[in-house]
Amino acid sequence: MTRRSAASILLLACFANAPEAVAHDWYPAWCCSEKDCRELAEERGEVVSEVPEGWRLWDGRIVRRKTAKPSPDAKFHLCEEATTKAIICFFAPPGAS
């Protein structure tokens, strides 16, 4: 094996073992480990409105202010169980309405 081909193999091995880049790698592992979280999008009908108790989701569920966590990217994010749709975590931008 030539020195050049050995270097190429080593470089490929490094890329193969590199961790995948995750769009929102800030979700806490205890919350949902990137599996059940997503950024909410109005174009998908995922509208959030402020109500006295906290935030009303497009489907009528209410997220209380005391359970919401601050969103680091100024967007709403929801983590929910796939089958039951139970809310695991909800992230709201600071000062969001």
Protein backbone atom coordinates (compact mmCIF):
# COMPACT_ATOMS: atom_id res chain seq x y z
CA MET A 1 0.00 0.00 0.00
CA THR A 2 1.36 3.38 -0.91
CA ARG A 3 1.62 6.22 1.51
CA ARG A 4 -0.98 8.18 -0.46
CA SER A 5 -3.58 5.39 -0.41
CA ALA A 6 -3.00 4.82 3.32
CA ALA A 7 -3.66 8.52 3.97
CA SER A 8 -6.82 8.34 1.86
CA ILE A 9 -8.10 5.34 3.81
CA LEU A 10 -7.36 7.09 7.11
CA LEU A 11 -9.20 10.20 5.98
CA LEU A 12 -12.25 8.17 4.90
CA ALA A 13 -12.25 6.36 8.24
CA CYS A 14 -12.31 9.70 10.06
CA PHE A 15 -15.34 10.89 8.07
CA ALA A 16 -17.14 7.58 8.55
CA ASN A 17 -16.78 7.84 12.32
CA ALA A 18 -17.64 11.54 12.59
CA PRO A 19 -20.92 12.28 14.40
CA GLU A 20 -23.81 13.49 12.28
CA ALA A 21 -24.58 17.18 12.40
CA VAL A 22 -27.95 17.73 14.02
CA ALA A 23 -30.08 20.73 13.21
CA HIS A 24 -31.18 21.26 16.79
CA ASP A 25 -28.60 19.55 18.92
CA TRP A 26 -29.52 21.71 21.90
CA TYR A 27 -32.60 19.69 22.88
CA PRO A 28 -31.96 18.21 26.32
CA ALA A 29 -31.43 14.44 26.24
CA TRP A 30 -33.82 13.99 29.18
CA CYS A 31 -36.53 15.70 27.19
CA CYS A 32 -36.57 13.70 23.99
CA SER A 33 -33.10 13.07 22.59
CA GLU A 34 -33.79 14.58 19.15
CA LYS A 35 -36.44 11.93 18.48
CA ASP A 36 -39.66 13.70 19.32
CA CYS A 37 -38.74 17.38 18.98
CA ARG A 38 -39.33 19.76 16.14
CA GLU A 39 -39.47 23.43 15.36
CA LEU A 40 -43.05 24.54 14.90
CA ALA A 41 -43.92 26.02 11.51
CA GLU A 42 -46.90 28.19 10.68
CA GLU A 43 -46.81 26.97 7.07
CA ARG A 44 -47.70 23.51 8.44
CA GLY A 45 -50.55 25.04 10.43
CA GLU A 46 -48.63 24.85 13.71
CA VAL A 47 -49.78 28.19 15.07
CA VAL A 48 -49.12 29.14 18.69
CA SER A 49 -51.07 31.94 20.36
CA GLU A 50 -50.60 33.48 23.75
CA VAL A 51 -53.42 33.03 26.26
CA PRO A 52 -53.57 34.02 29.95
CA GLU A 53 -52.51 30.51 31.06
CA GLY A 54 -49.57 30.29 28.63
CA TRP A 55 -49.74 29.22 24.98
CA ARG A 56 -52.51 27.59 23.00
CA LEU A 57 -51.37 25.20 20.29
CA TRP A 58 -53.17 24.93 16.95
CA ASP A 59 -54.96 21.78 18.15
CA GLY A 60 -56.30 23.36 21.35
CA ARG A 61 -53.75 22.02 23.81
CA ILE A 62 -52.52 24.52 26.39
CA VAL A 63 -48.92 24.76 27.53
CA ARG A 64 -48.69 26.47 30.91
CA ARG A 65 -46.08 29.19 31.35
CA LYS A 66 -44.42 27.41 34.27
CA THR A 67 -43.72 24.31 32.13
CA ALA A 68 -42.36 26.12 29.07
CA LYS A 69 -38.62 26.37 28.66
CA PRO A 70 -36.74 29.21 26.94
CA SER A 71 -35.91 28.61 23.29
CA PRO A 72 -32.34 29.51 22.39
CA ASP A 73 -33.15 30.24 18.74
CA ALA A 74 -36.19 32.55 19.16
CA LYS A 75 -38.59 29.94 17.72
CA PHE A 76 -41.24 27.68 19.18
CA HIS A 77 -40.33 24.00 19.53
CA LEU A 78 -42.47 21.08 20.64
CA CYS A 79 -41.43 17.67 21.89
CA GLU A 80 -44.25 15.17 22.07
CA GLU A 81 -44.78 11.43 22.24
CA ALA A 82 -45.50 10.09 18.77
CA THR A 83 -48.48 7.91 19.62
CA THR A 84 -50.22 9.75 22.47
CA LYS A 85 -49.22 13.29 21.47
CA ALA A 86 -48.44 13.97 25.14
CA ILE A 87 -46.26 17.04 25.46
CA ILE A 88 -42.81 16.20 26.79
CA CYS A 89 -41.22 19.64 26.42
CA PHE A 90 -42.21 22.97 24.94
CA PHE A 91 -39.76 25.74 24.13
CA ALA A 92 -40.88 29.33 23.68
CA PRO A 93 -38.84 32.37 22.68
CA PRO A 94 -38.31 34.86 25.49
CA GLY A 95 -41.08 37.46 25.33
CA ALA A 96 -43.05 35.35 22.86
CA SER A 97 -46.66 35.97 22.29
